[in-house]
PDB file of N, CA and C in Angstrom:
ATOM      1  N   MET A   1     -15.588 -10.683   9.815  1.00  0.00           N
ATOM      2  CA  MET A   1     -15.273  -9.222   9.453  1.00  0.00           C
ATOM      3  C   MET A   1     -16.654  -8.240   8.956  1.00  0.00           C
ATOM      4  N   TRP A   2     -16.732  -6.879   9.807  1.00  0.00           N
ATOM      5  CA  TRP A   2     -17.773  -6.460   9.377  1.00  0.00           C
ATOM      6  C   TRP A   2     -18.033  -5.955   7.962  1.00  0.00           C
ATOM      7  N   LEU A   3     -16.832  -5.924   7.405  1.00  0.00           N
ATOM      8  CA  LEU A   3     -17.361  -5.630   5.778  1.00  0.00           C
ATOM      9  C   LEU A   3     -17.703  -6.848   4.827  1.00  0.00           C
ATOM     10  N   ARG A   4     -18.029  -7.566   5.333  1.00  0.00           N
ATOM     11  CA  ARG A   4     -18.174  -8.964   4.512  1.00  0.00           C
ATOM     12  C   ARG A   4     -19.454  -8.567   4.554  1.00  0.00           C
ATOM     13  N   ARG A   5     -20.573  -8.102   5.451  1.00  0.00           N
ATOM     14  CA  ARG A   5     -21.798  -7.796   4.890  1.00  0.00           C
ATOM     15  C   ARG A   5     -22.371  -6.706   3.979  1.00  0.00           C
ATOM     16  N   GLY A   6     -22.999  -7.296   3.660  1.00  0.00           N
ATOM     17  CA  GLY A   6     -23.705  -6.155   2.611  1.00  0.00           C
ATOM     18  C   GLY A   6     -24.531  -5.113   3.405  1.00  0.00           C
ATOM     19  N   ARG A   7     -24.344  -3.326   3.301  1.00  0.00           N
ATOM     20  CA  ARG A   7     -24.453  -3.051   4.262  1.00  0.00           C
ATOM     21  C   ARG A   7     -26.605  -2.747   4.197  1.00  0.00           C
ATOM     22  N   SER A   8     -26.982  -3.033   2.689  1.00  0.00           N
ATOM     23  CA  SER A   8     -28.561  -2.502   2.705  1.00  0.00           C
ATOM     24  C   SER A   8     -29.532  -4.046   2.265  1.00  0.00           C
ATOM     25  N   THR A   9     -28.479  -5.037   2.172  1.00  0.00           N
ATOM     26  CA  THR A   9     -29.095  -6.599   2.021  1.00  0.00           C
ATOM     27  C   THR A   9     -28.713  -7.057   3.386  1.00  0.00           C
ATOM     28  N   ASN A  10     -27.377  -6.905   4.312  1.00  0.00           N
ATOM     29  CA  ASN A  10     -26.803  -8.143   4.905  1.00  0.00           C
ATOM     30  C   ASN A  10     -26.771  -9.186   4.337  1.00  0.00           C
ATOM     31  N   LEU A  11     -26.166  -9.832   2.922  1.00  0.00           N
ATOM     32  CA  LEU A  11     -25.481 -10.623   2.575  1.00  0.00           C
ATOM     33  C   LEU A  11     -24.755 -10.606   2.378  1.00  0.00           C
ATOM     34  N   PRO A  12     -23.827 -11.847   2.574  1.00  0.00           N
ATOM     35  CA  PRO A  12     -22.203 -11.808   2.237  1.00  0.00           C
ATOM     36  C   PRO A  12     -21.849 -11.004   1.068  1.00  0.00           C
ATOM     37  N   CYS A  13     -20.399 -10.609   1.346  1.00  0.00           N
ATOM     38  CA  CYS A  13     -19.872  -9.964  -0.196  1.00  0.00           C
ATOM     39  C   CYS A  13     -18.386 -10.325  -0.194  1.00  0.00           C
ATOM     40  N   LYS A  14     -17.986 -10.062  -1.173  1.00  0.00           N
ATOM     41  CA  LYS A  14     -16.494  -9.713  -1.380  1.00  0.00           C
ATOM     42  C   LYS A  14     -15.811  -8.673  -0.764  1.00  0.00           C
ATOM     43  N   VAL A  15     -14.387  -8.962  -0.492  1.00  0.00           N
ATOM     44  CA  VAL A  15     -13.719  -7.798   0.030  1.00  0.00           C
ATOM     45  C   VAL A  15     -12.448  -7.824  -0.614  1.00  0.00           C
ATOM     46  N   GLY A  16     -11.912  -6.212  -0.922  1.00  0.00           N
ATOM     47  CA  GLY A  16     -11.080  -6.178  -1.879  1.00  0.00           C
ATOM     48  C   GLY A  16     -10.227  -4.848  -1.341  1.00  0.00           C
ATOM     49  N   VAL A  17      -8.717  -5.053  -1.531  1.00  0.00           N
ATOM     50  CA  VAL A  17      -8.092  -3.911  -0.921  1.00  0.00           C
ATOM     51  C   VAL A  17      -7.094  -3.520  -2.140  1.00  0.00           C
ATOM     52  N   MET A  18      -6.694  -2.100  -1.890  1.00  0.00           N
ATOM     53  CA  MET A  18      -5.794  -1.435  -2.896  1.00  0.00           C
ATOM     54  C   MET A  18      -5.123  -0.402  -2.156  1.00  0.00           C
ATOM     55  N   GLY A  19      -3.735  -0.271  -2.593  1.00  0.00           N
ATOM     56  CA  GLY A  19      -3.282   1.050  -2.273  1.00  0.00           C
ATOM     57  C   GLY A  19      -2.172   1.422  -2.885  1.00  0.00           C
ATOM     58  N   PHE A  20      -1.507   2.854  -2.846  1.00  0.00           N
ATOM     59  CA  PHE A  20      -0.811   3.273  -3.278  1.00  0.00           C
ATOM     60  C   PHE A  20       0.544   3.868  -2.419  1.00  0.00           C
ATOM     61  N   CYS A  21       2.253   3.642  -2.823  1.00  0.00           N
ATOM     62  CA  CYS A  21       2.746   3.387  -2.067  1.00  0.00           C
ATOM     63  C   CYS A  21       2.774   2.969  -0.931  1.00  0.00           C
ATOM     64  N   LEU A  22       2.443   3.628   0.398  1.00  0.00           N
ATOM     65  CA  LEU A  22       2.839   2.980   1.551  1.00  0.00           C
ATOM     66  C   LEU A  22       1.433   2.437   1.825  1.00  0.00           C
ATOM     67  N   GLY A  23       0.580   2.914   1.055  1.00  0.00           N
ATOM     68  CA  GLY A  23      -0.814   1.841   1.023  1.00  0.00           C
ATOM     69  C   GLY A  23      -0.904   1.056   0.255  1.00  0.00           C
ATOM     70  N   GLY A  24       0.233   0.945  -0.629  1.00  0.00           N
ATOM     71  CA  GLY A  24       0.739  -0.507  -1.418  1.00  0.00           C
ATOM     72  C   GLY A  24       1.325  -1.498  -0.590  1.00  0.00           C
ATOM     73  N   LEU A  25       2.083  -0.851   0.268  1.00  0.00           N
ATOM     74  CA  LEU A  25       2.837  -1.933   1.634  1.00  0.00           C
ATOM     75  C   LEU A  25       1.681  -2.624   2.135  1.00  0.00           C
ATOM     76  N   LEU A  26       0.877  -1.507   2.577  1.00  0.00           N
ATOM     77  CA  LEU A  26      -0.268  -2.123   3.737  1.00  0.00           C
ATOM     78  C   LEU A  26      -1.160  -2.943   2.781  1.00  0.00           C
ATOM     79  N   THR A  27      -1.553  -2.717   1.664  1.00  0.00           N
ATOM     80  CA  THR A  27      -2.380  -3.751   1.191  1.00  0.00           C
ATOM     81  C   THR A  27      -1.311  -5.186   0.993  1.00  0.00           C
ATOM     82  N   PHE A  28      -0.027  -4.893   0.384  1.00  0.00           N
ATOM     83  CA  PHE A  28       0.304  -6.522   0.925  1.00  0.00           C
ATOM     84  C   PHE A  28       0.291  -7.241   1.914  1.00  0.00           C
ATOM     85  N   LEU A  29       0.578  -6.011   3.122  1.00  0.00           N
ATOM     86  CA  LEU A  29       0.709  -6.772   4.535  1.00  0.00           C
ATOM     87  C   LEU A  29      -0.832  -7.173   4.775  1.00  0.00           C
ATOM     88  N   SER A  30      -2.088  -6.804   4.126  1.00  0.00           N
ATOM     89  CA  SER A  30      -3.306  -6.750   4.384  1.00  0.00           C
ATOM     90  C   SER A  30      -3.202  -8.062   3.747  1.00  0.00           C
ATOM     91  N   ALA A  31      -2.956  -8.400   2.520  1.00  0.00           N
ATOM     92  CA  ALA A  31      -3.054 -10.019   2.068  1.00  0.00           C
ATOM     93  C   ALA A  31      -2.688 -11.049   2.650  1.00  0.00           C
ATOM     94  N   VAL A  32      -1.581 -10.791   3.527  1.00  0.00           N
ATOM     95  CA  VAL A  32      -1.075 -11.847   4.081  1.00  0.00           C
ATOM     96  C   VAL A  32      -1.730 -12.105   5.621  1.00  0.00           C
ATOM     97  N   ARG A  33      -2.147 -10.858   6.261  1.00  0.00           N
ATOM     98  CA  ARG A  33      -2.831 -10.760   7.239  1.00  0.00           C
ATOM     99  C   ARG A  33      -4.081 -10.860   7.591  1.00  0.00           C
ATOM    100  N   VAL A  34      -4.743 -10.576   6.483  1.00  0.00           N
ATOM    101  CA  VAL A  34      -6.302  -9.596   7.173  1.00  0.00           C
ATOM    102  C   VAL A  34      -7.173 -10.605   5.767  1.00  0.00           C
ATOM    103  N   PRO A  35      -8.411 -11.290   6.394  1.00  0.00           N
ATOM    104  CA  PRO A  35      -8.761 -12.181   5.539  1.00  0.00           C
ATOM    105  C   PRO A  35      -9.629 -11.389   4.262  1.00  0.00           C
ATOM    106  N   VAL A  36      -9.040 -10.902   2.987  1.00  0.00           N
ATOM    107  CA  VAL A  36      -9.655 -10.432   2.282  1.00  0.00           C
ATOM    108  C   VAL A  36     -10.206 -11.296   1.211  1.00  0.00           C
ATOM    109  N   ASP A  37     -10.396 -11.032  -0.134  1.00  0.00           N
ATOM    110  CA  ASP A  37     -10.786 -11.821  -0.803  1.00  0.00           C
ATOM    111  C   ASP A  37      -9.486 -11.424  -2.189  1.00  0.00           C
ATOM    112  N   ALA A  38      -9.075 -10.291  -2.213  1.00  0.00           N
ATOM    113  CA  ALA A  38      -8.129  -9.865  -3.666  1.00  0.00           C
ATOM    114  C   ALA A  38      -7.398  -8.667  -2.869  1.00  0.00           C
ATOM    115  N   ALA A  39      -6.454  -8.281  -3.507  1.00  0.00           N
ATOM    116  CA  ALA A  39      -5.452  -7.395  -3.545  1.00  0.00           C
ATOM    117  C   ALA A  39      -4.598  -6.731  -4.454  1.00  0.00           C
ATOM    118  N   VAL A  40      -4.662  -5.489  -4.559  1.00  0.00           N
ATOM    119  CA  VAL A  40      -3.716  -4.722  -5.693  1.00  0.00           C
ATOM    120  C   VAL A  40      -3.235  -3.723  -5.398  1.00  0.00           C
ATOM    121  N   ALA A  41      -1.810  -3.693  -5.510  1.00  0.00           N
ATOM    122  CA  ALA A  41      -0.766  -2.526  -4.968  1.00  0.00           C
ATOM    123  C   ALA A  41      -0.159  -2.108  -6.023  1.00  0.00           C
ATOM    124  N   TYR A  42      -0.078  -0.885  -5.874  1.00  0.00           N
ATOM    125  CA  TYR A  42       0.272   0.277  -6.384  1.00  0.00           C
ATOM    126  C   TYR A  42       1.900   0.871  -5.959  1.00  0.00           C
ATOM    127  N   TYR A  43       2.935   0.469  -6.444  1.00  0.00           N
ATOM    128  CA  TYR A  43       4.570   0.907  -6.217  1.00  0.00           C
ATOM    129  C   TYR A  43       4.686   0.957  -4.817  1.00  0.00           C
ATOM    130  N   GLY A  44       4.137   0.224  -4.218  1.00  0.00           N
ATOM    131  CA  GLY A  44       4.588  -0.282  -2.502  1.00  0.00           C
ATOM    132  C   GLY A  44       5.694  -0.385  -2.140  1.00  0.00           C
ATOM    133  N   GLY A  45       6.166   0.562  -1.516  1.00  0.00           N
ATOM    134  CA  GLY A  45       7.463   0.673  -1.152  1.00  0.00           C
ATOM    135  C   GLY A  45       7.783  -0.586   0.533  1.00  0.00           C
ATOM    136  N   CYS A  46       8.755  -0.988   0.330  1.00  0.00           N
ATOM    137  CA  CYS A  46       9.651  -1.676   1.301  1.00  0.00           C
ATOM    138  C   CYS A  46       8.843  -2.982   1.303  1.00  0.00           C
ATOM    139  N   ILE A  47       7.797  -3.526   0.227  1.00  0.00           N
ATOM    140  CA  ILE A  47       7.405  -4.837   0.508  1.00  0.00           C
ATOM    141  C   ILE A  47       8.538  -6.144   0.296  1.00  0.00           C
ATOM    142  N   ASP A  48       9.678  -5.227  -0.149  1.00  0.00           N
ATOM    143  CA  ASP A  48      10.887  -6.264   0.105  1.00  0.00           C
ATOM    144  C   ASP A  48      11.204  -6.703   1.246  1.00  0.00           C
ATOM    145  N   GLN A  49      11.199  -5.830   2.566  1.00  0.00           N
ATOM    146  CA  GLN A  49      11.138  -6.315   3.743  1.00  0.00           C
ATOM    147  C   GLN A  49      10.093  -6.890   4.590  1.00  0.00           C
ATOM    148  N   HIS A  50       9.076  -7.474   3.748  1.00  0.00           N
ATOM    149  CA  HIS A  50       8.319  -8.453   4.505  1.00  0.00           C
ATOM    150  C   HIS A  50       8.261  -9.459   3.866  1.00  0.00           C
ATOM    151  N   LEU A  51       8.736  -9.807   2.706  1.00  0.00           N
ATOM    152  CA  LEU A  51       9.261 -11.193   1.887  1.00  0.00           C
ATOM    153  C   LEU A  51       8.618 -12.435   1.960  1.00  0.00           C
ATOM    154  N   ILE A  52       9.291 -12.630   3.704  1.00  0.00           N
ATOM    155  CA  ILE A  52       8.792 -13.724   4.481  1.00  0.00           C
ATOM    156  C   ILE A  52       7.700 -14.497   4.307  1.00  0.00           C
ATOM    157  N   GLU A  53       6.887 -13.253   4.572  1.00  0.00           N
ATOM    158  CA  GLU A  53       5.323 -13.385   4.725  1.00  0.00           C
ATOM    159  C   GLU A  53       4.804 -14.046   3.217  1.00  0.00           C
ATOM    160  N   ALA A  54       5.103 -13.686   2.340  1.00  0.00           N
ATOM    161  CA  ALA A  54       4.955 -13.922   0.964  1.00  0.00           C
ATOM    162  C   ALA A  54       3.814 -15.520   0.400  1.00  0.00           C
ATOM    163  N   PRO A  55       4.968 -16.512   1.154  1.00  0.00           N
ATOM    164  CA  PRO A  55       4.166 -17.295   0.855  1.00  0.00           C
ATOM    165  C   PRO A  55       2.793 -17.970   1.719  1.00  0.00           C
ATOM    166  N   LYS A  56       2.296 -17.056   2.213  1.00  0.00           N
ATOM    167  CA  LYS A  56       1.192 -17.152   2.813  1.00  0.00           C
ATOM    168  C   LYS A  56       0.167 -16.225   2.063  1.00  0.00           C
ATOM    169  N   ILE A  57       0.498 -15.675   1.119  1.00  0.00           N
ATOM    170  CA  ILE A  57      -0.841 -15.452   0.514  1.00  0.00           C
ATOM    171  C   ILE A  57      -1.453 -16.359  -0.649  1.00  0.00           C
ATOM    172  N   SER A  58      -2.803 -16.584  -0.653  1.00  0.00           N
ATOM    173  CA  SER A  58      -3.426 -17.327  -1.117  1.00  0.00           C
ATOM    174  C   SER A  58      -4.461 -16.864  -1.537  1.00  0.00           C
ATOM    175  N   LEU A  59      -4.331 -15.641  -1.998  1.00  0.00           N
ATOM    176  CA  LEU A  59      -5.796 -15.094  -3.052  1.00  0.00           C
ATOM    177  C   LEU A  59      -4.874 -14.410  -3.830  1.00  0.00           C
ATOM    178  N   PRO A  60      -5.540 -13.845  -4.791  1.00  0.00           N
ATOM    179  CA  PRO A  60      -5.421 -12.910  -6.132  1.00  0.00           C
ATOM    180  C   PRO A  60      -4.579 -11.736  -5.746  1.00  0.00           C
ATOM    181  N   LEU A  61      -3.252 -11.855  -5.980  1.00  0.00           N
ATOM    182  CA  LEU A  61      -2.830 -10.109  -5.583  1.00  0.00           C
ATOM    183  C   LEU A  61      -1.923  -9.493  -7.048  1.00  0.00           C
ATOM    184  N   MET A  62      -2.129  -8.534  -6.768  1.00  0.00           N
ATOM    185  CA  MET A  62      -1.880  -7.930  -8.296  1.00  0.00           C
ATOM    186  C   MET A  62      -0.587  -6.774  -7.657  1.00  0.00           C
ATOM    187  N   LEU A  63       0.544  -6.593  -8.289  1.00  0.00           N
ATOM    188  CA  LEU A  63       1.620  -5.471  -7.861  1.00  0.00           C
ATOM    189  C   LEU A  63       2.001  -4.868  -9.048  1.00  0.00           C
ATOM    190  N   HIS A  64       2.025  -3.734  -9.047  1.00  0.00           N
ATOM    191  CA  HIS A  64       2.417  -2.893 -10.058  1.00  0.00           C
ATOM    192  C   HIS A  64       3.815  -1.902  -9.690  1.00  0.00           C
ATOM    193  N   LEU A  65       4.580  -1.983 -10.266  1.00  0.00           N
ATOM    194  CA  LEU A  65       5.528  -1.546  -9.694  1.00  0.00           C
ATOM    195  C   LEU A  65       6.104  -0.610 -10.930  1.00  0.00           C
ATOM    196  N   GLY A  66       7.025   0.312 -11.036  1.00  0.00           N
ATOM    197  CA  GLY A  66       7.687   1.146 -11.796  1.00  0.00           C
ATOM    198  C   GLY A  66       9.177   0.877 -12.273  1.00  0.00           C
ATOM    199  N   GLU A  67       9.368   0.773 -13.411  1.00  0.00           N
ATOM    200  CA  GLU A  67      10.331   0.495 -13.471  1.00  0.00           C
ATOM    201  C   GLU A  67      11.129   0.830 -13.479  1.00  0.00           C
ATOM    202  N   ASP A  68      11.444   2.710 -13.487  1.00  0.00           N
ATOM    203  CA  ASP A  68      12.455   3.393 -12.824  1.00  0.00           C
ATOM    204  C   ASP A  68      11.768   4.342 -11.393  1.00  0.00           C
ATOM    205  N   ASP A  69      11.249   3.345 -11.350  1.00  0.00           N
ATOM    206  CA  ASP A  69      11.027   3.970  -9.752  1.00  0.00           C
ATOM    207  C   ASP A  69      12.180   4.460  -8.748  1.00  0.00           C
ATOM    208  N   GLU A  70      12.251   5.991  -8.465  1.00  0.00           N
ATOM    209  CA  GLU A  70      13.698   6.000  -7.126  1.00  0.00           C
ATOM    210  C   GLU A  70      13.515   5.490  -6.133  1.00  0.00           C
ATOM    211  N   TYR A  71      12.140   5.133  -5.444  1.00  0.00           N
ATOM    212  CA  TYR A  71      11.739   4.497  -4.098  1.00  0.00           C
ATOM    213  C   TYR A  71      11.771   3.177  -4.154  1.00  0.00           C
ATOM    214  N   ILE A  72      11.663   2.916  -5.504  1.00  0.00           N
ATOM    215  CA  ILE A  72      11.536   0.910  -5.231  1.00  0.00           C
ATOM    216  C   ILE A  72      12.833   1.045  -6.058  1.00  0.00           C
ATOM    217  N   PRO A  73      14.234   0.746  -5.781  1.00  0.00           N
ATOM    218  CA  PRO A  73      15.040  -0.023  -6.656  1.00  0.00           C
ATOM    219  C   PRO A  73      14.979  -1.106  -7.101  1.00  0.00           C
ATOM    220  N   HIS A  74      15.598  -1.338  -8.202  1.00  0.00           N
ATOM    221  CA  HIS A  74      15.775  -2.745  -8.921  1.00  0.00           C
ATOM    222  C   HIS A  74      15.772  -3.875  -8.149  1.00  0.00           C
ATOM    223  N   ALA A  75      17.133  -3.353  -7.220  1.00  0.00           N
ATOM    224  CA  ALA A  75      17.237  -4.752  -6.755  1.00  0.00           C
ATOM    225  C   ALA A  75      15.768  -5.290  -5.942  1.00  0.00           C
ATOM    226  N   ALA A  76      15.283  -4.496  -5.220  1.00  0.00           N
ATOM    227  CA  ALA A  76      14.061  -4.710  -4.672  1.00  0.00           C
ATOM    228  C   ALA A  76      13.019  -5.567  -5.241  1.00  0.00           C
ATOM    229  N   GLN A  77      12.645  -4.407  -6.416  1.00  0.00           N
ATOM    230  CA  GLN A  77      12.044  -5.374  -7.829  1.00  0.00           C
ATOM    231  C   GLN A  77      12.013  -6.979  -7.663  1.00  0.00           C
ATOM    232  N   GLN A  78      13.459  -6.899  -8.018  1.00  0.00           N
ATOM    233  CA  GLN A  78      13.812  -8.091  -8.710  1.00  0.00           C
ATOM    234  C   GLN A  78      13.499  -9.189  -7.637  1.00  0.00           C
ATOM    235  N   LYS A  79      13.728  -8.774  -6.105  1.00  0.00           N
ATOM    236  CA  LYS A  79      13.057  -9.681  -5.089  1.00  0.00           C
ATOM    237  C   LYS A  79      12.030  -9.684  -4.995  1.00  0.00           C
ATOM    238  N   ILE A  80      11.031  -9.069  -5.369  1.00  0.00           N
ATOM    239  CA  ILE A  80       9.858  -9.072  -5.332  1.00  0.00           C
ATOM    240  C   ILE A  80       8.850  -9.831  -6.393  1.00  0.00           C
ATOM    241  N   GLU A  81       9.704  -9.964  -7.438  1.00  0.00           N
ATOM    242  CA  GLU A  81       9.133 -10.443  -8.540  1.00  0.00           C
ATOM    243  C   GLU A  81       9.990 -12.197  -8.276  1.00  0.00           C
ATOM    244  N   LYS A  82      10.671 -12.066  -7.720  1.00  0.00           N
ATOM    245  CA  LYS A  82      11.256 -13.533  -7.852  1.00  0.00           C
ATOM    246  C   LYS A  82      10.410 -14.649  -6.343  1.00  0.00           C
ATOM    247  N   ALA A  83      10.379 -13.368  -5.191  1.00  0.00           N
ATOM    248  CA  ALA A  83       9.292 -14.258  -4.098  1.00  0.00           C
ATOM    249  C   ALA A  83       7.489 -14.673  -4.668  1.00  0.00           C
ATOM    250  N   ARG A  84       6.892 -13.757  -5.963  1.00  0.00           N
ATOM    251  CA  ARG A  84       5.707 -14.011  -6.354  1.00  0.00           C
ATOM    252  C   ARG A  84       5.873 -15.144  -7.185  1.00  0.00           C
ATOM    253  N   ARG A  85       7.042 -15.730  -7.859  1.00  0.00           N
ATOM    254  CA  ARG A  85       6.864 -16.806  -8.621  1.00  0.00           C
ATOM    255  C   ARG A  85       6.589 -18.381  -7.863  1.00  0.00           C
TER     256      ARG A  85
END
């Protein structure tokens, strides 16, 4: 991955991803499908529809969900929390 090379030193570096809303979903999917080192997702919509891939996650992943988020129902949040345990 081209991001793993430092721009000025050409030394290996760590790669993290972060996103909000749709970017939160893309962050979750990157944690599963892309060789990144860490991921942080804020209010990622539709993550609950991709939980079949959750067991593939082997890197640090932090998910932030809003308790009263009108776009991520409480039932979806519960599915996500259960899958991450």
